[in-house]
C-alpha atoms as a PDB file:
ATOM      1  CA  MET A   1      30.394  68.928  12.856  1.00  0.00           C
ATOM      2  CA  ALA A   2      33.115  66.278  13.059  1.00  0.00           C
ATOM      3  CA  GLU A   3      33.543  63.934  10.016  1.00  0.00           C
ATOM      4  CA  PRO A   4      32.668  60.246  10.533  1.00  0.00           C
ATOM      5  CA  ASN A   5      35.597  58.134  11.119  1.00  0.00           C
ATOM      6  CA  GLN A   6      36.441  54.956   9.109  1.00  0.00           C
ATOM      7  CA  SER A   7      34.559  52.592  11.426  1.00  0.00           C
ATOM      8  CA  GLN A   8      31.253  54.706  11.183  1.00  0.00           C
ATOM      9  CA  LEU A   9      31.518  54.625   7.418  1.00  0.00           C
ATOM     10  CA  ALA A  10      31.783  50.838   7.430  1.00  0.00           C
ATOM     11  CA  ILE A  11      28.791  50.372   9.661  1.00  0.00           C
ATOM     12  CA  LYS A  12      26.714  52.598   7.404  1.00  0.00           C
ATOM     13  CA  ALA A  13      27.804  50.752   4.310  1.00  0.00           C
ATOM     14  CA  ALA A  14      26.825  47.400   5.990  1.00  0.00           C
ATOM     15  CA  ARG A  15      23.387  48.698   6.794  1.00  0.00           C
ATOM     16  CA  SER A  16      22.897  50.005   3.272  1.00  0.00           C
ATOM     17  CA  ALA A  17      23.804  46.656   1.909  1.00  0.00           C
ATOM     18  CA  LEU A  18      21.361  44.912   4.255  1.00  0.00           C
ATOM     19  CA  VAL A  19      18.527  47.208   3.332  1.00  0.00           C
ATOM     20  CA  ASP A  20      19.027  46.412  -0.483  1.00  0.00           C
ATOM     21  CA  ARG A  21      18.996  42.696   0.258  1.00  0.00           C
ATOM     22  CA  ALA A  22      15.924  42.960   2.173  1.00  0.00           C
ATOM     23  CA  VAL A  23      14.181  45.056  -0.701  1.00  0.00           C
ATOM     24  CA  PHE A  24      15.351  42.417  -3.273  1.00  0.00           C
ATOM     25  CA  ALA A  25      14.144  39.431  -1.296  1.00  0.00           C
ATOM     26  CA  ALA A  26      10.713  41.148  -0.866  1.00  0.00           C
ATOM     27  CA  LEU A  27      10.409  41.797  -4.572  1.00  0.00           C
ATOM     28  CA  ALA A  28      11.304  38.167  -5.386  1.00  0.00           C
ATOM     29  CA  LEU A  29       8.864  37.096  -2.830  1.00  0.00           C
ATOM     30  CA  VAL A  30       6.092  39.040  -4.678  1.00  0.00           C
ATOM     31  CA  VAL A  31       6.958  37.731  -8.147  1.00  0.00           C
ATOM     32  CA  ILE A  32       6.934  34.107  -6.881  1.00  0.00           C
ATOM     33  CA  SER A  33       3.574  34.701  -5.253  1.00  0.00           C
ATOM     34  CA  SER A  34       2.111  36.170  -8.221  1.00  0.00           C
ATOM     35  CA  ALA A  35       3.347  33.209 -10.445  1.00  0.00           C
ATOM     36  CA  VAL A  36       1.919  30.602  -8.222  1.00  0.00           C
ATOM     37  CA  ALA A  37      -1.504  32.522  -7.994  1.00  0.00           C
ATOM     38  CA  THR A  38      -1.495  32.849 -11.910  1.00  0.00           C
ATOM     39  CA  LYS A  39      -0.929  28.976 -12.208  1.00  0.00           C
ATOM     40  CA  ARG A  40      -3.598  28.297  -9.636  1.00  0.00           C
ATOM     41  CA  PHE A  41      -6.339  30.356 -11.240  1.00  0.00           C
ATOM     42  CA  SER A  42      -5.543  29.994 -14.821  1.00  0.00           C
ATOM     43  CA  GLY A  43      -5.149  26.292 -15.038  1.00  0.00           C
ATOM     44  CA  ALA A  44      -2.220  23.944 -14.158  1.00  0.00           C
ATOM     45  CA  PRO A  45      -0.233  22.360 -16.856  1.00  0.00           C
ATOM     46  CA  VAL A  46      -0.943  18.892 -17.818  1.00  0.00           C
ATOM     47  CA  LEU A  47       1.708  17.112 -15.744  1.00  0.00           C
ATOM     48  CA  ALA A  48       0.329  18.945 -12.610  1.00  0.00           C
ATOM     49  CA  ALA A  49      -3.162  17.727 -13.513  1.00  0.00           C
ATOM     50  CA  ILE A  50      -1.963  14.160 -13.830  1.00  0.00           C
ATOM     51  CA  GLU A  51      -0.214  14.294 -10.406  1.00  0.00           C
ATOM     52  CA  ARG A  52      -3.463  15.650  -8.692  1.00  0.00           C
ATOM     53  CA  SER A  53      -5.520  12.976 -10.284  1.00  0.00           C
ATOM     54  CA  GLY A  54      -3.911  10.434  -8.224  1.00  0.00           C
ATOM     55  CA  THR A  55      -5.324  11.973  -4.954  1.00  0.00           C
ATOM     56  CA  GLN A  56      -8.887  12.584  -6.064  1.00  0.00           C
ATOM     57  CA  PRO A  57     -11.477   9.973  -5.867  1.00  0.00           C
ATOM     58  CA  SER A  58     -12.262   7.883  -9.045  1.00  0.00           C
ATOM     59  CA  ILE A  59     -15.301   9.123 -11.043  1.00  0.00           C
ATOM     60  CA  PRO A  60     -17.698   6.376 -12.290  1.00  0.00           C
ATOM     61  CA  ILE A  61     -18.227   6.105 -16.138  1.00  0.00           C
ATOM     62  CA  SER A  62     -21.075   8.384 -17.390  1.00  0.00           C
ATOM     63  CA  GLU A  63     -24.084   6.677 -19.153  1.00  0.00           C
ATOM     64  CA  PRO A  64     -23.197   8.059 -22.531  1.00  0.00           C
ATOM     65  CA  THR A  65     -19.755   6.570 -22.292  1.00  0.00           C
ATOM     66  CA  GLN A  66     -21.459   3.130 -21.463  1.00  0.00           C
ATOM     67  CA  THR A  67     -23.853   3.573 -24.527  1.00  0.00           C
ATOM     68  CA  ILE A  68     -20.838   4.186 -26.864  1.00  0.00           C
ATOM     69  CA  ILE A  69     -19.009   1.055 -25.522  1.00  0.00           C
ATOM     70  CA  ALA A  70     -22.247  -1.047 -26.157  1.00  0.00           C
ATOM     71  CA  GLU A  71     -22.497   0.174 -29.644  1.00  0.00           C
ATOM     72  CA  GLN A  72     -19.059  -0.822 -30.264  1.00  0.00           C
ATOM     73  CA  ALA A  73     -19.504  -4.265 -28.866  1.00  0.00           C
ATOM     74  CA  ASP A  74     -22.714  -4.744 -31.076  1.00  0.00           C
ATOM     75  CA  PRO A  75     -22.143  -2.585 -34.295  1.00  0.00           C
ATOM     76  CA  TRP A  76     -25.376  -4.024 -35.685  1.00  0.00           C
ATOM     77  CA  ARG A  77     -27.631  -2.883 -33.157  1.00  0.00           C
ATOM     78  CA  VAL A  78     -28.394   0.383 -34.669  1.00  0.00           C
ATOM     79  CA  LEU A  79     -29.243  -1.419 -37.949  1.00  0.00           C
ATOM     80  CA  ARG A  80     -31.501  -3.713 -36.251  1.00  0.00           C
ATOM     81  CA  GLU A  81     -33.511  -0.902 -34.346  1.00  0.00           C
ATOM     82  CA  TYR A  82     -33.864   0.942 -37.735  1.00  0.00           C
ATOM     83  CA  LEU A  83     -35.315  -2.222 -39.548  1.00  0.00           C
ATOM     84  CA  ASP A  84     -37.537  -2.773 -36.590  1.00  0.00           C
ATOM     85  CA  ASN A  85     -38.756   0.588 -36.096  1.00  0.00           C
ATOM     86  CA  GLY A  86     -37.311   3.319 -38.191  1.00  0.00           C
ATOM     87  CA  SER A  87     -38.244   1.896 -41.593  1.00  0.00           C
ATOM     88  CA  ASN A  88     -41.774   1.329 -40.651  1.00  0.00           C
ATOM     89  CA  ALA A  89     -42.218   4.787 -39.300  1.00  0.00           C
ATOM     90  CA  GLU A  90     -40.594   6.274 -42.426  1.00  0.00           C
ATOM     91  CA  SER A  91     -42.509   4.343 -45.076  1.00  0.00           C
ATOM     92  CA  SER A  92     -45.235   5.995 -46.978  1.00  0.00           C
ATOM     93  CA  PRO A  93     -48.668   5.007 -46.994  1.00  0.00           C
ATOM     94  CA  GLU A  94     -48.405   4.429 -50.705  1.00  0.00           C
ATOM     95  CA  SER A  95     -45.696   1.916 -50.109  1.00  0.00           C
ATOM     96  CA  ALA A  96     -47.480   0.208 -47.417  1.00  0.00           C
ATOM     97  CA  ASP A  97     -50.419  -0.300 -49.299  1.00  0.00           C
ATOM     98  CA  ALA A  98     -48.349  -1.753 -52.233  1.00  0.00           C
ATOM     99  CA  THR A  99     -46.896  -4.178 -49.804  1.00  0.00           C
ATOM    100  CA  ALA A 100     -50.079  -5.388 -48.318  1.00  0.00           C
ATOM    101  CA  THR A 101     -51.606  -6.110 -51.903  1.00  0.00           C
ATOM    102  CA  THR A 102     -48.468  -8.167 -52.876  1.00  0.00           C
ATOM    103  CA  THR A 103     -48.212 -10.010 -49.666  1.00  0.00           C
ATOM    104  CA  ASP A 104     -51.829 -10.759 -48.494  1.00  0.00           C
ATOM    105  CA  ASP A 105     -52.120 -13.635 -51.035  1.00  0.00           C
ATOM    106  CA  ALA A 106     -49.494 -15.980 -50.314  1.00  0.00           C
ATOM    107  CA  SER A 107     -49.991 -17.809 -53.782  1.00  0.00           C
ATOM    108  CA  VAL A 108     -48.555 -14.650 -55.549  1.00  0.00           C
ATOM    109  CA  ARG A 109     -45.080 -15.097 -56.793  1.00  0.00           C
ATOM    110  CA  TYR A 110     -42.831 -13.022 -59.408  1.00  0.00           C
ATOM    111  CA  PHE A 111     -41.287 -13.748 -62.620  1.00  0.00           C
ATOM    112  CA  ASP A 112     -39.227 -11.444 -64.613  1.00  0.00           C
ATOM    113  CA  GLY A 113     -40.006  -8.582 -61.984  1.00  0.00           C
ATOM    114  CA  ARG A 114     -43.742  -8.847 -62.393  1.00  0.00           C
ATOM    115  CA  PRO A 115     -46.410 -10.665 -60.120  1.00  0.00           C
ATOM    116  CA  ILE A 116     -47.858 -13.890 -61.220  1.00  0.00           C
ATOM    117  CA  ARG A 117     -50.531 -16.211 -59.792  1.00  0.00           C
ATOM    118  CA  PRO A 118     -51.516 -19.752 -60.410  1.00  0.00           C
ATOM    119  CA  VAL A 119     -54.686 -20.245 -62.673  1.00  0.00           C
ATOM    120  CA  ARG A 120     -54.776 -24.029 -63.123  1.00  0.00           C
ATOM    121  CA  ARG A 121     -53.103 -27.506 -62.523  1.00  0.00           C
ATOM    122  CA  MET A 122     -53.019 -30.138 -65.065  1.00  0.00           C
ATOM    123  CA  TRP A 123     -51.427 -33.726 -65.015  1.00  0.00           C
ATOM    124  CA  MET A 124     -48.736 -34.002 -67.845  1.00  0.00           C
ATOM    125  CA  THR A 125     -46.341 -36.709 -68.781  1.00  0.00           C
ATOM    126  CA  VAL A 126     -42.921 -35.168 -68.380  1.00  0.00           C
ATOM    127  CA  THR A 127     -39.700 -36.116 -69.962  1.00  0.00           C
ATOM    128  CA  ALA A 128     -36.355 -34.310 -70.473  1.00  0.00           C
ATOM    129  CA  TYR A 129     -33.859 -33.293 -73.302  1.00  0.00           C
ATOM    130  CA  SER A 130     -30.524 -31.560 -73.507  1.00  0.00           C
ATOM    131  CA  PRO A 131     -29.494 -29.082 -76.127  1.00  0.00           C
ATOM    132  CA  ASP A 132     -27.120 -31.188 -77.996  1.00  0.00           C
ATOM    133  CA  ALA A 133     -27.632 -33.417 -81.230  1.00  0.00           C
ATOM    134  CA  ARG A 134     -28.516 -36.381 -79.259  1.00  0.00           C
ATOM    135  CA  SER A 135     -31.629 -34.759 -78.168  1.00  0.00           C
ATOM    136  CA  CYS A 136     -32.216 -32.124 -80.967  1.00  0.00           C
ATOM    137  CA  GLY A 137     -30.623 -33.608 -84.023  1.00  0.00           C
ATOM    138  CA  GLU A 138     -30.096 -31.192 -86.774  1.00  0.00           C
ATOM    139  CA  PHE A 139     -31.612 -28.356 -84.878  1.00  0.00           C
ATOM    140  CA  ALA A 140     -29.024 -28.301 -82.247  1.00  0.00           C
ATOM    141  CA  ASP A 141     -28.023 -24.645 -82.776  1.00  0.00           C
ATOM    142  CA  GLY A 142     -28.149 -23.360 -79.424  1.00  0.00           C
ATOM    143  CA  ARG A 143     -31.705 -21.728 -79.748  1.00  0.00           C
ATOM    144  CA  THR A 144     -35.057 -22.905 -79.155  1.00  0.00           C
ATOM    145  CA  ALA A 145     -38.266 -22.745 -81.575  1.00  0.00           C
ATOM    146  CA  SER A 146     -39.022 -19.409 -80.359  1.00  0.00           C
ATOM    147  CA  MET A 147     -35.423 -18.281 -81.322  1.00  0.00           C
ATOM    148  CA  LYS A 148     -34.391 -17.844 -77.747  1.00  0.00           C
ATOM    149  CA  SER A 149     -30.962 -18.969 -76.305  1.00  0.00           C
ATOM    150  CA  VAL A 150     -31.083 -22.392 -74.697  1.00  0.00           C
ATOM    151  CA  TRP A 151     -29.514 -20.574 -71.802  1.00  0.00           C
ATOM    152  CA  THR A 152     -32.256 -18.208 -71.407  1.00  0.00           C
ATOM    153  CA  ASN A 153     -33.507 -18.174 -67.790  1.00  0.00           C
ATOM    154  CA  GLY A 154     -30.365 -19.904 -66.712  1.00  0.00           C
ATOM    155  CA  GLY A 155     -31.034 -22.851 -68.972  1.00  0.00           C
ATOM    156  CA  CYS A 156     -34.299 -23.527 -66.947  1.00  0.00           C
ATOM    157  CA  LEU A 157     -37.072 -23.796 -69.690  1.00  0.00           C
ATOM    158  CA  VAL A 158     -39.499 -26.382 -71.188  1.00  0.00           C
ATOM    159  CA  ALA A 159     -40.919 -27.532 -74.393  1.00  0.00           C
ATOM    160  CA  ALA A 160     -44.712 -27.846 -74.856  1.00  0.00           C
ATOM    161  CA  ASP A 161     -47.452 -28.386 -77.580  1.00  0.00           C
ATOM    162  CA  SER A 162     -48.297 -24.663 -78.470  1.00  0.00           C
ATOM    163  CA  LYS A 163     -52.107 -25.745 -78.638  1.00  0.00           C
ATOM    164  CA  VAL A 164     -51.981 -26.661 -75.018  1.00  0.00           C
ATOM    165  CA  LEU A 165     -49.345 -24.245 -73.714  1.00  0.00           C
ATOM    166  CA  PRO A 166     -48.243 -21.364 -76.031  1.00  0.00           C
ATOM    167  CA  ILE A 167     -44.895 -19.991 -76.151  1.00  0.00           C
ATOM    168  CA  GLY A 168     -44.358 -17.606 -73.129  1.00  0.00           C
ATOM    169  CA  SER A 169     -46.525 -19.715 -70.810  1.00  0.00           C
ATOM    170  CA  LEU A 170     -45.274 -20.003 -67.378  1.00  0.00           C
ATOM    171  CA  VAL A 171     -45.301 -23.285 -65.460  1.00  0.00           C
ATOM    172  CA  THR A 172     -43.711 -24.990 -62.477  1.00  0.00           C
ATOM    173  CA  VAL A 173     -42.880 -28.690 -62.591  1.00  0.00           C
ATOM    174  CA  PRO A 174     -42.229 -30.493 -59.475  1.00  0.00           C
ATOM    175  CA  GLY A 175     -38.783 -31.567 -59.073  1.00  0.00           C
ATOM    176  CA  TYR A 176     -37.625 -29.414 -61.841  1.00  0.00           C
ATOM    177  CA  ALA A 177     -35.336 -26.133 -61.368  1.00  0.00           C
ATOM    178  CA  GLY A 178     -36.022 -26.166 -57.773  1.00  0.00           C
ATOM    179  CA  ASP A 179     -39.747 -25.851 -58.138  1.00  0.00           C
ATOM    180  CA  MET A 180     -39.215 -22.225 -59.660  1.00  0.00           C
ATOM    181  CA  VAL A 181     -41.530 -20.808 -62.337  1.00  0.00           C
ATOM    182  CA  VAL A 182     -40.110 -21.556 -65.748  1.00  0.00           C
ATOM    183  CA  PRO A 183     -41.309 -20.320 -69.206  1.00  0.00           C
ATOM    184  CA  VAL A 184     -42.171 -22.358 -72.280  1.00  0.00           C
ATOM    185  CA  LEU A 185     -39.924 -21.409 -75.098  1.00  0.00           C
ATOM    186  CA  ASP A 186     -39.531 -24.418 -77.002  1.00  0.00           C
ATOM    187  CA  ARG A 187     -41.589 -27.114 -79.015  1.00  0.00           C
ATOM    188  CA  GLY A 188     -40.869 -30.632 -80.127  1.00  0.00           C
ATOM    189  CA  GLY A 189     -41.848 -32.809 -82.845  1.00  0.00           C
ATOM    190  CA  LYS A 190     -42.745 -35.607 -80.219  1.00  0.00           C
ATOM    191  CA  ILE A 191     -44.255 -33.144 -77.516  1.00  0.00           C
ATOM    192  CA  LYS A 192     -47.971 -33.312 -78.444  1.00  0.00           C
ATOM    193  CA  GLY A 193     -51.104 -32.775 -76.089  1.00  0.00           C
ATOM    194  CA  SER A 194     -50.321 -33.271 -72.388  1.00  0.00           C
ATOM    195  CA  ARG A 195     -46.682 -33.807 -72.927  1.00  0.00           C
ATOM    196  CA  LEU A 196     -43.896 -31.582 -71.593  1.00  0.00           C
ATOM    197  CA  ASP A 197     -40.113 -31.597 -72.171  1.00  0.00           C
ATOM    198  CA  VAL A 198     -37.855 -29.994 -69.518  1.00  0.00           C
ATOM    199  CA  LEU A 199     -34.446 -28.890 -70.604  1.00  0.00           C
ATOM    200  CA  TYR A 200     -31.244 -29.908 -68.881  1.00  0.00           C
ATOM    201  CA  PRO A 201     -27.606 -29.015 -69.776  1.00  0.00           C
ATOM    202  CA  THR A 202     -26.407 -32.473 -70.555  1.00  0.00           C
ATOM    203  CA  HIS A 203     -27.728 -35.542 -72.233  1.00  0.00           C
ATOM    204  CA  GLU A 204     -26.835 -37.761 -69.198  1.00  0.00           C
ATOM    205  CA  ILE A 205     -28.861 -35.579 -66.570  1.00  0.00           C
ATOM    206  CA  ALA A 206     -31.847 -35.627 -69.044  1.00  0.00           C
ATOM    207  CA  LEU A 207     -31.700 -39.411 -69.169  1.00  0.00           C
ATOM    208  CA  SER A 208     -31.732 -39.557 -65.399  1.00  0.00           C
ATOM    209  CA  TRP A 209     -35.018 -37.731 -65.315  1.00  0.00           C
ATOM    210  CA  GLY A 210     -36.681 -40.557 -67.025  1.00  0.00           C
ATOM    211  CA  VAL A 211     -40.449 -40.438 -67.654  1.00  0.00           C
ATOM    212  CA  GLN A 212     -42.576 -38.745 -64.994  1.00  0.00           C
ATOM    213  CA  ARG A 213     -46.429 -38.186 -64.496  1.00  0.00           C
ATOM    214  CA  LEU A 214     -46.689 -34.935 -62.626  1.00  0.00           C
ATOM    215  CA  PRO A 215     -49.310 -32.190 -61.730  1.00  0.00           C
ATOM    216  CA  VAL A 216     -48.072 -29.064 -63.549  1.00  0.00           C
ATOM    217  CA  THR A 217     -49.089 -25.613 -62.341  1.00  0.00           C
ATOM    218  CA  VAL A 218     -49.872 -23.066 -64.937  1.00  0.00           C
ATOM    219  CA  TRP A 219     -49.312 -19.349 -63.933  1.00  0.00           C
ATOM    220  CA  GLU A 220     -50.455 -15.969 -65.299  1.00  0.00           C
ATOM    221  CA  TYR A 221     -49.338 -12.420 -64.926  1.00  0.00           C
ATOM    222  CA  ALA A 222     -51.422 -10.739 -62.019  1.00  0.00           C
ATOM    223  CA  ASP A 223     -50.823  -7.162 -63.098  1.00  0.00           C
ATOM    224  CA  ASP A 224     -52.525  -5.340 -65.840  1.00  0.00           C
ATOM    225  CA  ALA A 225     -49.609  -4.803 -68.036  1.00  0.00           C
ATOM    226  CA  GLU A 226     -49.971  -6.102 -71.478  1.00  0.00           C
ATOM    227  CA  HIS A 227     -46.981  -8.050 -72.985  1.00  0.00           C
END
């Protein structure tokens, strides 16, 4: 057989190179297609998701999100609902009964954490005094006849005749201490019979009280504890 000449060798080399390029291109196409398919089925990157969201229709806010927004606008709503519903549902029968027994009678009040109730009302001549020497003279030592500080109960206390209102009695005097219940913790040489002396921090305030004839309410403890 005749050996191929130079022209035939060149044509053969060109064909071989063309086949190699075709095979390489086919392999590259397979790799690219595989990568695209992997991205499509395994989830696109964040940037791709953002780009696609522009072409998708808008989705309305779901109801749970609206609820969260409403709670942020009114942070006290949950507390109000608990006070209106939850606390009543969780309260025990014992606590409900206790509440009923202390709130049915509108006249029941509290002093020193104990329930008290009015027992009688008496008309008394009410004057005022201060804890200084101008009112108490030589006994102005900062203590009452019951050896309590003059600032006991925030300085709201009264002096009375122990035969009428013993030490520890509880009274309300119209116009004094915001009509709060105050204790009888003091006595006075001139405070006899239906006389009452209310304590004020200064002599000037005591003088401005003057002398008044008032209906004084006497209270007693409504529980069974003995003190």
